[in-house]
Amino acid sequence: MHRTQIYFEENFFVEIKKQANLLNISLSAYIRDVLQKELNNKKQEPKNIDFSNFEGMWKDRAITQESLREKAWK
């Protein structure tokens, strides 16, 4: 395990200490649990890609399989 030092504002420290006490776990264990849950959520969240900038970019072009093949093999 790696040891590190983190600085918290006093009111934030009081809140996380309260939560750890409610769960009857150490402050370090509480912080590790919260961070692990956050990391797991990030891994599971599908990344939403905004394609709205690309909307209509091909509307005035005649794109067919044949035209793509012609350009690809030149």
C-alpha atoms as a PDB file:
ATOM      1  CA  MET A   1       0.000   0.000   0.000  1.00  0.00           C
ATOM      2  CA  HIS A   2       1.192   3.510  -0.759  1.00  0.00           C
ATOM      3  CA  ARG A   3       1.069   6.243   1.848  1.00  0.00           C
ATOM      4  CA  THR A   4       0.208   9.825   0.891  1.00  0.00           C
ATOM      5  CA  GLN A   5      -0.728  13.064   2.560  1.00  0.00           C
ATOM      6  CA  ILE A   6      -3.853  15.022   1.622  1.00  0.00           C
ATOM      7  CA  TYR A   7      -4.952  18.441   2.821  1.00  0.00           C
ATOM      8  CA  PHE A   8      -8.671  19.046   3.447  1.00  0.00           C
ATOM      9  CA  GLU A   9     -10.551  22.165   4.364  1.00  0.00           C
ATOM     10  CA  GLU A  10     -11.748  21.853   7.947  1.00  0.00           C
ATOM     11  CA  ASN A  11     -15.475  21.612   7.188  1.00  0.00           C
ATOM     12  CA  PHE A  12     -14.856  18.943   4.529  1.00  0.00           C
ATOM     13  CA  PHE A  13     -12.670  16.957   6.919  1.00  0.00           C
ATOM     14  CA  VAL A  14     -15.377  17.044   9.581  1.00  0.00           C
ATOM     15  CA  GLU A  15     -17.965  15.712   7.109  1.00  0.00           C
ATOM     16  CA  ILE A  16     -15.868  12.810   5.860  1.00  0.00           C
ATOM     17  CA  LYS A  17     -14.864  11.914   9.399  1.00  0.00           C
ATOM     18  CA  LYS A  18     -18.556  11.835  10.376  1.00  0.00           C
ATOM     19  CA  GLN A  19     -19.307   9.492   7.479  1.00  0.00           C
ATOM     20  CA  ALA A  20     -16.454   7.187   8.428  1.00  0.00           C
ATOM     21  CA  ASN A  21     -17.661   7.103  12.033  1.00  0.00           C
ATOM     22  CA  LEU A  22     -21.223   6.309  10.926  1.00  0.00           C
ATOM     23  CA  LEU A  23     -19.906   3.345   8.955  1.00  0.00           C
ATOM     24  CA  ASN A  24     -17.629   2.374  11.841  1.00  0.00           C
ATOM     25  CA  ILE A  25     -14.529   2.369   9.648  1.00  0.00           C
ATOM     26  CA  SER A  26     -11.322   4.359   9.697  1.00  0.00           C
ATOM     27  CA  LEU A  27     -11.044   7.624   7.839  1.00  0.00           C
ATOM     28  CA  SER A  28      -8.474   6.069   5.497  1.00  0.00           C
ATOM     29  CA  ALA A  29     -10.746   3.113   4.726  1.00  0.00           C
ATOM     30  CA  TYR A  30     -13.649   5.454   4.040  1.00  0.00           C
ATOM     31  CA  ILE A  31     -11.593   7.581   1.630  1.00  0.00           C
ATOM     32  CA  ARG A  32     -10.310   4.456  -0.155  1.00  0.00           C
ATOM     33  CA  ASP A  33     -13.865   3.074  -0.477  1.00  0.00           C
ATOM     34  CA  VAL A  34     -15.255   6.312  -1.874  1.00  0.00           C
ATOM     35  CA  LEU A  35     -12.426   6.678  -4.370  1.00  0.00           C
ATOM     36  CA  GLN A  36     -12.717   3.029  -5.445  1.00  0.00           C
ATOM     37  CA  LYS A  37     -16.464   3.425  -6.065  1.00  0.00           C
ATOM     38  CA  GLU A  38     -15.819   6.556  -8.106  1.00  0.00           C
ATOM     39  CA  LEU A  39     -13.180   4.821 -10.204  1.00  0.00           C
ATOM     40  CA  ASN A  40     -15.465   1.818 -10.770  1.00  0.00           C
ATOM     41  CA  ASN A  41     -18.287   4.125 -11.878  1.00  0.00           C
ATOM     42  CA  LYS A  42     -15.991   5.871 -14.343  1.00  0.00           C
ATOM     43  CA  LYS A  43     -15.002   2.535 -15.873  1.00  0.00           C
ATOM     44  CA  GLN A  44     -18.636   1.489 -16.316  1.00  0.00           C
ATOM     45  CA  GLU A  45     -20.008   4.759 -17.685  1.00  0.00           C
ATOM     46  CA  PRO A  46     -20.307   4.705 -21.451  1.00  0.00           C
ATOM     47  CA  LYS A  47     -18.662   7.708 -22.980  1.00  0.00           C
ATOM     48  CA  ASN A  48     -21.245   9.918 -24.598  1.00  0.00           C
ATOM     49  CA  ILE A  49     -19.933  11.276 -27.849  1.00  0.00           C
ATOM     50  CA  ASP A  50     -21.622  14.351 -29.251  1.00  0.00           C
ATOM     51  CA  PHE A  51     -22.009  13.851 -32.979  1.00  0.00           C
ATOM     52  CA  SER A  52     -24.176  16.952 -33.482  1.00  0.00           C
ATOM     53  CA  ASN A  53     -21.240  18.876 -34.987  1.00  0.00           C
ATOM     54  CA  PHE A  54     -21.151  16.364 -37.830  1.00  0.00           C
ATOM     55  CA  GLU A  55     -24.838  16.562 -38.624  1.00  0.00           C
ATOM     56  CA  GLY A  56     -25.464  17.213 -42.303  1.00  0.00           C
ATOM     57  CA  MET A  57     -21.812  17.240 -43.322  1.00  0.00           C
ATOM     58  CA  TRP A  58     -22.479  14.779 -46.186  1.00  0.00           C
ATOM     59  CA  LYS A  59     -25.948  16.014 -47.221  1.00  0.00           C
ATOM     60  CA  ASP A  60     -24.858  17.727 -50.468  1.00  0.00           C
ATOM     61  CA  ARG A  61     -22.540  14.940 -51.594  1.00  0.00           C
ATOM     62  CA  ALA A  62     -23.376  11.923 -53.668  1.00  0.00           C
ATOM     63  CA  ILE A  63     -21.763   9.202 -51.641  1.00  0.00           C
ATOM     64  CA  THR A  64     -22.137   5.710 -53.013  1.00  0.00           C
ATOM     65  CA  GLN A  65     -20.153   2.565 -52.590  1.00  0.00           C
ATOM     66  CA  GLU A  66     -18.951   2.850 -56.162  1.00  0.00           C
ATOM     67  CA  SER A  67     -17.740   6.447 -55.783  1.00  0.00           C
ATOM     68  CA  LEU A  68     -15.865   5.552 -52.604  1.00  0.00           C
ATOM     69  CA  ARG A  69     -14.193   2.619 -54.329  1.00  0.00           C
ATOM     70  CA  GLU A  70     -13.150   4.785 -57.275  1.00  0.00           C
ATOM     71  CA  LYS A  71     -11.469   7.305 -55.003  1.00  0.00           C
ATOM     72  CA  ALA A  72      -9.889   4.637 -52.812  1.00  0.00           C
ATOM     73  CA  TRP A  73      -8.166   2.860 -55.674  1.00  0.00           C
ATOM     74  CA  LYS A  74      -6.702   5.908 -57.380  1.00  0.00           C
END
